[in-house]
Amino acid sequence: GRKSTPFAALSRSGAFTRGATLILALPGSPAGAVESL
């Protein structure tokens, strides 16, 4: 994300698991969400 915007460093995006499921917490902007994915 930092390649697109310096504000990406402020994101608290991340990944978690529960059982056999992977959970991604992605930004709320369409571009940020897809770029992070």
PDB file of all heavy atoms in Angstrom:
ATOM      1  N   GLY A   1       0.797  -1.217   0.000  1.00  0.00           N
ATOM      2  CA  GLY A   1       0.000   0.000   0.000  1.00  0.00           C
ATOM      3  C   GLY A   1       0.829   1.266   0.000  1.00  0.00           C
ATOM      4  O   GLY A   1       0.439   2.282  -0.584  1.00  0.00           O
ATOM      5  N   ARG A   2       1.986   1.236   0.645  1.00  0.00           N
ATOM      6  CA  ARG A   2       2.865   2.411   0.691  1.00  0.00           C
ATOM      7  C   ARG A   2       3.348   2.817  -0.696  1.00  0.00           C
ATOM      8  O   ARG A   2       3.743   3.960  -0.896  1.00  0.00           O
ATOM      9  CB  ARG A   2       4.077   2.150   1.596  1.00  0.00           C
ATOM     10  CG  ARG A   2       3.768   2.067   3.053  1.00  0.00           C
ATOM     11  CD  ARG A   2       3.795   3.364   3.781  1.00  0.00           C
ATOM     12  NE  ARG A   2       5.119   3.992   3.735  1.00  0.00           N
ATOM     13  CZ  ARG A   2       5.311   5.265   3.980  1.00  0.00           C
ATOM     14  NH1 ARG A   2       4.306   6.041   4.296  1.00  0.00           N
ATOM     15  NH2 ARG A   2       6.515   5.782   3.928  1.00  0.00           N
ATOM     16  N   LYS A   3       3.303   1.903  -1.639  1.00  0.00           N
ATOM     17  CA  LYS A   3       3.699   2.242  -3.012  1.00  0.00           C
ATOM     18  C   LYS A   3       2.669   3.142  -3.672  1.00  0.00           C
ATOM     19  O   LYS A   3       2.977   3.854  -4.619  1.00  0.00           O
ATOM     20  CB  LYS A   3       3.923   0.969  -3.830  1.00  0.00           C
ATOM     21  CG  LYS A   3       5.116   0.175  -3.325  1.00  0.00           C
ATOM     22  CD  LYS A   3       5.303  -1.117  -4.069  1.00  0.00           C
ATOM     23  CE  LYS A   3       6.498  -1.868  -3.469  1.00  0.00           C
ATOM     24  NZ  LYS A   3       6.677  -3.174  -4.070  1.00  0.00           N
ATOM     25  N   SER A   4       1.430   3.102  -3.175  1.00  0.00           N
ATOM     26  CA  SER A   4       0.347   3.935  -3.711  1.00  0.00           C
ATOM     27  C   SER A   4       0.097   5.183  -2.881  1.00  0.00           C
ATOM     28  O   SER A   4      -0.220   6.232  -3.424  1.00  0.00           O
ATOM     29  CB  SER A   4      -0.962   3.135  -3.775  1.00  0.00           C
ATOM     30  OG  SER A   4      -0.829   2.022  -4.596  1.00  0.00           O
ATOM     31  N   THR A   5       0.207   5.052  -1.562  1.00  0.00           N
ATOM     32  CA  THR A   5      -0.072   6.177  -0.675  1.00  0.00           C
ATOM     33  C   THR A   5       0.717   6.039   0.624  1.00  0.00           C
ATOM     34  O   THR A   5       0.753   4.940   1.199  1.00  0.00           O
ATOM     35  CB  THR A   5      -1.574   6.303  -0.346  1.00  0.00           C
ATOM     36  OG1 THR A   5      -1.758   7.353   0.610  1.00  0.00           O
ATOM     37  CG2 THR A   5      -2.152   5.019   0.199  1.00  0.00           C
ATOM     38  N   PRO A   6       1.300   7.126   1.102  1.00  0.00           N
ATOM     39  CA  PRO A   6       2.021   7.038   2.381  1.00  0.00           C
ATOM     40  C   PRO A   6       1.089   6.748   3.555  1.00  0.00           C
ATOM     41  O   PRO A   6       1.527   6.255   4.586  1.00  0.00           O
ATOM     42  CB  PRO A   6       2.680   8.414   2.523  1.00  0.00           C
ATOM     43  CG  PRO A   6       1.913   9.318   1.622  1.00  0.00           C
ATOM     44  CD  PRO A   6       1.379   8.458   0.522  1.00  0.00           C
ATOM     45  N   PHE A   7      -0.204   7.012   3.396  1.00  0.00           N
ATOM     46  CA  PHE A   7      -1.162   6.788   4.472  1.00  0.00           C
ATOM     47  C   PHE A   7      -1.450   5.312   4.719  1.00  0.00           C
ATOM     48  O   PHE A   7      -2.085   4.969   5.722  1.00  0.00           O
ATOM     49  CB  PHE A   7      -2.457   7.545   4.202  1.00  0.00           C
ATOM     50  CG  PHE A   7      -2.264   9.035   4.165  1.00  0.00           C
ATOM     51  CD1 PHE A   7      -2.512   9.749   3.007  1.00  0.00           C
ATOM     52  CD2 PHE A   7      -1.798   9.718   5.273  1.00  0.00           C
ATOM     53  CE1 PHE A   7      -2.315  11.115   2.960  1.00  0.00           C
ATOM     54  CE2 PHE A   7      -1.593  11.089   5.244  1.00  0.00           C
ATOM     55  CZ  PHE A   7      -1.852  11.794   4.080  1.00  0.00           C
ATOM     56  N   ALA A   8      -0.983   4.428   3.835  1.00  0.00           N
ATOM     57  CA  ALA A   8      -1.180   2.991   4.046  1.00  0.00           C
ATOM     58  C   ALA A   8      -0.552   2.538   5.358  1.00  0.00           C
ATOM     59  O   ALA A   8      -1.012   1.565   5.966  1.00  0.00           O
ATOM     60  CB  ALA A   8      -0.605   2.196   2.879  1.00  0.00           C
ATOM     61  N   ALA A   9       0.468   3.241   5.808  1.00  0.00           N
ATOM     62  CA  ALA A   9       1.123   2.874   7.065  1.00  0.00           C
ATOM     63  C   ALA A   9       0.189   3.048   8.263  1.00  0.00           C
ATOM     64  O   ALA A   9       0.422   2.461   9.319  1.00  0.00           O
ATOM     65  CB  ALA A   9       2.378   3.715   7.260  1.00  0.00           C
ATOM     66  N   LEU A  10      -0.863   3.843   8.107  1.00  0.00           N
ATOM     67  CA  LEU A  10      -1.816   4.063   9.194  1.00  0.00           C
ATOM     68  C   LEU A  10      -2.873   2.960   9.279  1.00  0.00           C
ATOM     69  O   LEU A  10      -3.634   2.899  10.238  1.00  0.00           O
ATOM     70  CB  LEU A  10      -2.509   5.416   9.016  1.00  0.00           C
ATOM     71  CG  LEU A  10      -1.595   6.636   8.994  1.00  0.00           C
ATOM     72  CD1 LEU A  10      -2.419   7.894   8.734  1.00  0.00           C
ATOM     73  CD2 LEU A  10      -0.796   6.746  10.274  1.00  0.00           C
ATOM     74  N   SER A  11      -2.918   2.105   8.269  1.00  0.00           N
ATOM     75  CA  SER A  11      -3.908   1.023   8.255  1.00  0.00           C
ATOM     76  C   SER A  11      -3.593  -0.013   9.318  1.00  0.00           C
ATOM     77  O   SER A  11      -2.438  -0.354   9.565  1.00  0.00           O
ATOM     78  CB  SER A  11      -3.917   0.337   6.881  1.00  0.00           C
ATOM     79  OG  SER A  11      -4.745  -0.798   6.915  1.00  0.00           O
ATOM     80  N   ARG A  12      -4.643  -0.528   9.926  1.00  0.00           N
ATOM     81  CA  ARG A  12      -4.502  -1.605  10.908  1.00  0.00           C
ATOM     82  C   ARG A  12      -5.004  -2.915  10.312  1.00  0.00           C
ATOM     83  O   ARG A  12      -5.434  -3.814  11.025  1.00  0.00           O
ATOM     84  CB  ARG A  12      -5.242  -1.238  12.195  1.00  0.00           C
ATOM     85  CG  ARG A  12      -4.631   0.010  12.840  1.00  0.00           C
ATOM     86  CD  ARG A  12      -5.295   0.462  14.125  1.00  0.00           C
ATOM     87  NE  ARG A  12      -6.736   0.549  14.024  1.00  0.00           N
ATOM     88  CZ  ARG A  12      -7.577  -0.161  14.781  1.00  0.00           C
ATOM     89  NH1 ARG A  12      -7.147  -0.992  15.689  1.00  0.00           N
ATOM     90  NH2 ARG A  12      -8.877  -0.022  14.615  1.00  0.00           N
ATOM     91  N   SER A  13      -4.917  -3.019   8.981  1.00  0.00           N
ATOM     92  CA  SER A  13      -5.319  -4.242   8.291  1.00  0.00           C
ATOM     93  C   SER A  13      -4.482  -5.414   8.785  1.00  0.00           C
ATOM     94  O   SER A  13      -3.338  -5.240   9.192  1.00  0.00           O
ATOM     95  CB  SER A  13      -5.126  -4.094   6.785  1.00  0.00           C
ATOM     96  OG  SER A  13      -5.976  -3.096   6.287  1.00  0.00           O
ATOM     97  N   GLY A  14      -5.077  -6.600   8.729  1.00  0.00           N
ATOM     98  CA  GLY A  14      -4.353  -7.772   9.173  1.00  0.00           C
ATOM     99  C   GLY A  14      -5.127  -9.045   8.932  1.00  0.00           C
ATOM    100  O   GLY A  14      -6.158  -9.038   8.252  1.00  0.00           O
ATOM    101  N   ALA A  15      -4.621 -10.127   9.489  1.00  0.00           N
ATOM    102  CA  ALA A  15      -5.242 -11.435   9.295  1.00  0.00           C
ATOM    103  C   ALA A  15      -5.325 -12.175  10.624  1.00  0.00           C
ATOM    104  O   ALA A  15      -4.467 -12.019  11.502  1.00  0.00           O
ATOM    105  CB  ALA A  15      -4.455 -12.258   8.289  1.00  0.00           C
ATOM    106  N   PHE A  16      -6.365 -12.963  10.723  1.00  0.00           N
ATOM    107  CA  PHE A  16      -6.651 -13.740  11.922  1.00  0.00           C
ATOM    108  C   PHE A  16      -7.173 -15.100  11.491  1.00  0.00           C
ATOM    109  O   PHE A  16      -7.550 -15.285  10.329  1.00  0.00           O
ATOM    110  CB  PHE A  16      -7.731 -13.041  12.765  1.00  0.00           C
ATOM    111  CG  PHE A  16      -7.389 -11.619  13.117  1.00  0.00           C
ATOM    112  CD1 PHE A  16      -7.683 -10.583  12.246  1.00  0.00           C
ATOM    113  CD2 PHE A  16      -6.762 -11.328  14.319  1.00  0.00           C
ATOM    114  CE1 PHE A  16      -7.363  -9.267  12.565  1.00  0.00           C
ATOM    115  CE2 PHE A  16      -6.441 -10.020  14.647  1.00  0.00           C
ATOM    116  CZ  PHE A  16      -6.741  -8.979  13.770  1.00  0.00           C
ATOM    117  N   THR A  17      -7.224 -16.036  12.417  1.00  0.00           N
ATOM    118  CA  THR A  17      -7.834 -17.324  12.135  1.00  0.00           C
ATOM    119  C   THR A  17      -8.835 -17.645  13.242  1.00  0.00           C
ATOM    120  O   THR A  17      -8.707 -17.194  14.379  1.00  0.00           O
ATOM    121  CB  THR A  17      -6.795 -18.464  12.065  1.00  0.00           C
ATOM    122  OG1 THR A  17      -6.209 -18.649  13.355  1.00  0.00           O
ATOM    123  CG2 THR A  17      -5.715 -18.168  11.032  1.00  0.00           C
ATOM    124  N   ARG A  18      -9.821 -18.397  12.858  1.00  0.00           N
ATOM    125  CA  ARG A  18     -10.751 -18.999  13.824  1.00  0.00           C
ATOM    126  C   ARG A  18     -11.079 -20.365  13.249  1.00  0.00           C
ATOM    127  O   ARG A  18     -11.638 -20.462  12.151  1.00  0.00           O
ATOM    128  CB  ARG A  18     -12.008 -18.173  14.010  1.00  0.00           C
ATOM    129  CG  ARG A  18     -12.955 -18.830  15.041  1.00  0.00           C
ATOM    130  CD  ARG A  18     -14.149 -17.954  15.336  1.00  0.00           C
ATOM    131  NE  ARG A  18     -15.106 -18.661  16.153  1.00  0.00           N
ATOM    132  CZ  ARG A  18     -15.197 -18.575  17.478  1.00  0.00           C
ATOM    133  NH1 ARG A  18     -14.375 -17.795  18.152  1.00  0.00           N
ATOM    134  NH2 ARG A  18     -16.111 -19.258  18.144  1.00  0.00           N
ATOM    135  N   GLY A  19     -10.694 -21.408  13.970  1.00  0.00           N
ATOM    136  CA  GLY A  19     -10.876 -22.749  13.445  1.00  0.00           C
ATOM    137  C   GLY A  19     -10.132 -22.883  12.127  1.00  0.00           C
ATOM    138  O   GLY A  19      -8.963 -22.532  12.022  1.00  0.00           O
ATOM    139  N   ALA A  20     -10.829 -23.359  11.109  1.00  0.00           N
ATOM    140  CA  ALA A  20     -10.228 -23.562   9.798  1.00  0.00           C
ATOM    141  C   ALA A  20     -10.500 -22.398   8.852  1.00  0.00           C
ATOM    142  O   ALA A  20     -10.400 -22.552   7.639  1.00  0.00           O
ATOM    143  CB  ALA A  20     -10.752 -24.866   9.192  1.00  0.00           C
ATOM    144  N   THR A  21     -10.840 -21.233   9.395  1.00  0.00           N
ATOM    145  CA  THR A  21     -11.180 -20.076   8.569  1.00  0.00           C
ATOM    146  C   THR A  21     -10.134 -18.983   8.714  1.00  0.00           C
ATOM    147  O   THR A  21      -9.743 -18.636   9.826  1.00  0.00           O
ATOM    148  CB  THR A  21     -12.566 -19.523   8.963  1.00  0.00           C
ATOM    149  OG1 THR A  21     -13.533 -20.575   8.839  1.00  0.00           O
ATOM    150  CG2 THR A  21     -12.977 -18.367   8.069  1.00  0.00           C
ATOM    151  N   LEU A  22      -9.715 -18.441   7.576  1.00  0.00           N
ATOM    152  CA  LEU A  22      -8.819 -17.295   7.539  1.00  0.00           C
ATOM    153  C   LEU A  22      -9.671 -16.039   7.438  1.00  0.00           C
ATOM    154  O   LEU A  22     -10.607 -15.982   6.635  1.00  0.00           O
ATOM    155  CB  LEU A  22      -7.883 -17.391   6.327  1.00  0.00           C
ATOM    156  CG  LEU A  22      -6.895 -16.242   6.133  1.00  0.00           C
ATOM    157  CD1 LEU A  22      -5.889 -16.182   7.283  1.00  0.00           C
ATOM    158  CD2 LEU A  22      -6.169 -16.413   4.793  1.00  0.00           C
ATOM    159  N   ILE A  23      -9.362 -15.043   8.247  1.00  0.00           N
ATOM    160  CA  ILE A  23     -10.142 -13.802   8.291  1.00  0.00           C
ATOM    161  C   ILE A  23      -9.202 -12.640   7.989  1.00  0.00           C
ATOM    162  O   ILE A  23      -8.201 -12.455   8.681  1.00  0.00           O
ATOM    163  CB  ILE A  23     -10.769 -13.603   9.691  1.00  0.00           C
ATOM    164  CG1 ILE A  23     -11.579 -14.828  10.099  1.00  0.00           C
ATOM    165  CG2 ILE A  23     -11.606 -12.324   9.724  1.00  0.00           C
ATOM    166  CD1 ILE A  23     -11.726 -15.005  11.601  1.00  0.00           C
ATOM    167  N   LEU A  24      -9.521 -11.875   6.946  1.00  0.00           N
ATOM    168  CA  LEU A  24      -8.727 -10.699   6.602  1.00  0.00           C
ATOM    169  C   LEU A  24      -9.508  -9.445   6.945  1.00  0.00           C
ATOM    170  O   LEU A  24     -10.681  -9.325   6.590  1.00  0.00           O
ATOM    171  CB  LEU A  24      -8.388 -10.670   5.112  1.00  0.00           C
ATOM    172  CG  LEU A  24      -7.518 -11.785   4.562  1.00  0.00           C
ATOM    173  CD1 LEU A  24      -7.205 -11.515   3.088  1.00  0.00           C
ATOM    174  CD2 LEU A  24      -6.240 -11.951   5.345  1.00  0.00           C
ATOM    175  N   ALA A  25      -8.857  -8.515   7.612  1.00  0.00           N
ATOM    176  CA  ALA A  25      -9.420  -7.194   7.879  1.00  0.00           C
ATOM    177  C   ALA A  25      -8.752  -6.239   6.901  1.00  0.00           C
ATOM    178  O   ALA A  25      -7.550  -5.984   6.997  1.00  0.00           O
ATOM    179  CB  ALA A  25      -9.145  -6.783   9.321  1.00  0.00           C
ATOM    180  N   LEU A  26      -9.533  -5.757   5.945  1.00  0.00           N
ATOM    181  CA  LEU A  26      -9.022  -4.939   4.845  1.00  0.00           C
ATOM    182  C   LEU A  26      -9.524  -3.504   4.953  1.00  0.00           C
ATOM    183  O   LEU A  26     -10.545  -3.241   5.592  1.00  0.00           O
ATOM    184  CB  LEU A  26      -9.482  -5.540   3.508  1.00  0.00           C
ATOM    185  CG  LEU A  26      -9.104  -7.003   3.260  1.00  0.00           C
ATOM    186  CD1 LEU A  26      -9.880  -7.575   2.087  1.00  0.00           C
ATOM    187  CD2 LEU A  26      -7.611  -7.121   3.029  1.00  0.00           C
ATOM    188  N   PRO A  27      -8.848  -2.564   4.294  1.00  0.00           N
ATOM    189  CA  PRO A  27      -9.321  -1.175   4.309  1.00  0.00           C
ATOM    190  C   PRO A  27     -10.734  -1.039   3.752  1.00  0.00           C
ATOM    191  O   PRO A  27     -11.226  -1.924   3.039  1.00  0.00           O
ATOM    192  CB  PRO A  27      -8.317  -0.449   3.407  1.00  0.00           C
ATOM    193  CG  PRO A  27      -7.106  -1.310   3.404  1.00  0.00           C
ATOM    194  CD  PRO A  27      -7.611  -2.721   3.534  1.00  0.00           C
ATOM    195  N   GLY A  28     -11.343   0.091   4.042  1.00  0.00           N
ATOM    196  CA  GLY A  28     -12.721   0.330   3.615  1.00  0.00           C
ATOM    197  C   GLY A  28     -12.866   0.957   2.245  1.00  0.00           C
ATOM    198  O   GLY A  28     -13.942   0.915   1.664  1.00  0.00           O
ATOM    199  N   SER A  29     -11.812   1.534   1.690  1.00  0.00           N
ATOM    200  CA  SER A  29     -11.932   2.103   0.343  1.00  0.00           C
ATOM    201  C   SER A  29     -11.872   0.976  -0.677  1.00  0.00           C
ATOM    202  O   SER A  29     -11.148  -0.010  -0.480  1.00  0.00           O
ATOM    203  CB  SER A  29     -10.802   3.102   0.071  1.00  0.00           C
ATOM    204  OG  SER A  29      -9.581   2.423  -0.144  1.00  0.00           O
ATOM    205  N   PRO A  30     -12.624   1.089  -1.782  1.00  0.00           N
ATOM    206  CA  PRO A  30     -12.588   0.025  -2.788  1.00  0.00           C
ATOM    207  C   PRO A  30     -11.173  -0.253  -3.294  1.00  0.00           C
ATOM    208  O   PRO A  30     -10.751  -1.415  -3.372  1.00  0.00           O
ATOM    209  CB  PRO A  30     -13.488   0.546  -3.904  1.00  0.00           C
ATOM    210  CG  PRO A  30     -14.424   1.494  -3.226  1.00  0.00           C
ATOM    211  CD  PRO A  30     -13.613   2.122  -2.120  1.00  0.00           C
ATOM    212  N   ALA A  31     -10.425   0.797  -3.610  1.00  0.00           N
ATOM    213  CA  ALA A  31      -9.071   0.600  -4.129  1.00  0.00           C
ATOM    214  C   ALA A  31      -8.164  -0.013  -3.063  1.00  0.00           C
ATOM    215  O   ALA A  31      -7.392  -0.938  -3.347  1.00  0.00           O
ATOM    216  CB  ALA A  31      -8.489   1.922  -4.617  1.00  0.00           C
ATOM    217  N   GLY A  32      -8.249   0.481  -1.839  1.00  0.00           N
ATOM    218  CA  GLY A  32      -7.418  -0.052  -0.761  1.00  0.00           C
ATOM    219  C   GLY A  32      -7.748  -1.500  -0.440  1.00  0.00           C
ATOM    220  O   GLY A  32      -6.852  -2.306  -0.174  1.00  0.00           O
ATOM    221  N   ALA A  33      -9.024  -1.839  -0.468  1.00  0.00           N
ATOM    222  CA  ALA A  33      -9.436  -3.216  -0.173  1.00  0.00           C
ATOM    223  C   ALA A  33      -8.893  -4.178  -1.219  1.00  0.00           C
ATOM    224  O   ALA A  33      -8.310  -5.218  -0.885  1.00  0.00           O
ATOM    225  CB  ALA A  33     -10.959  -3.297  -0.099  1.00  0.00           C
ATOM    226  N   VAL A  34      -9.063  -3.834  -2.487  1.00  0.00           N
ATOM    227  CA  VAL A  34      -8.609  -4.719  -3.570  1.00  0.00           C
ATOM    228  C   VAL A  34      -7.082  -4.771  -3.610  1.00  0.00           C
ATOM    229  O   VAL A  34      -6.499  -5.847  -3.775  1.00  0.00           O
ATOM    230  CB  VAL A  34      -9.208  -4.283  -4.927  1.00  0.00           C
ATOM    231  CG1 VAL A  34      -8.561  -5.039  -6.079  1.00  0.00           C
ATOM    232  CG2 VAL A  34     -10.718  -4.509  -4.924  1.00  0.00           C
ATOM    233  N   GLU A  35      -6.439  -3.622  -3.441  1.00  0.00           N
ATOM    234  CA  GLU A  35      -4.974  -3.605  -3.448  1.00  0.00           C
ATOM    235  C   GLU A  35      -4.414  -4.459  -2.310  1.00  0.00           C
ATOM    236  O   GLU A  35      -3.447  -5.202  -2.496  1.00  0.00           O
ATOM    237  CB  GLU A  35      -4.475  -2.171  -3.316  1.00  0.00           C
ATOM    238  CG  GLU A  35      -2.971  -2.042  -3.402  1.00  0.00           C
ATOM    239  CD  GLU A  35      -2.525  -0.595  -3.360  1.00  0.00           C
ATOM    240  OE1 GLU A  35      -2.492  -0.017  -2.248  1.00  0.00           O
ATOM    241  OE2 GLU A  35      -2.232  -0.046  -4.434  1.00  0.00           O
ATOM    242  N   SER A  36      -5.015  -4.362  -1.142  1.00  0.00           N
ATOM    243  CA  SER A  36      -4.563  -5.167  -0.005  1.00  0.00           C
ATOM    244  C   SER A  36      -4.807  -6.646  -0.248  1.00  0.00           C
ATOM    245  O   SER A  36      -3.955  -7.482   0.083  1.00  0.00           O
ATOM    246  CB  SER A  36      -5.256  -4.706   1.274  1.00  0.00           C
ATOM    247  OG  SER A  36      -4.842  -3.404   1.614  1.00  0.00           O
ATOM    248  N   LEU A  37      -5.950  -6.985  -0.801  1.00  0.00           N
ATOM    249  CA  LEU A  37      -6.231  -8.382  -1.130  1.00  0.00           C
ATOM    250  C   LEU A  37      -5.214  -8.895  -2.141  1.00  0.00           C
ATOM    251  O   LEU A  37      -4.653  -9.993  -1.976  1.00  0.00           O
ATOM    252  CB  LEU A  37      -7.655  -8.542  -1.672  1.00  0.00           C
ATOM    253  CG  LEU A  37      -8.031  -9.958  -2.130  1.00  0.00           C
ATOM    254  CD1 LEU A  37      -7.926 -10.960  -0.991  1.00  0.00           C
ATOM    255  CD2 LEU A  37      -9.427  -9.952  -2.733  1.00  0.00           C
TER     256      LEU A  37
END
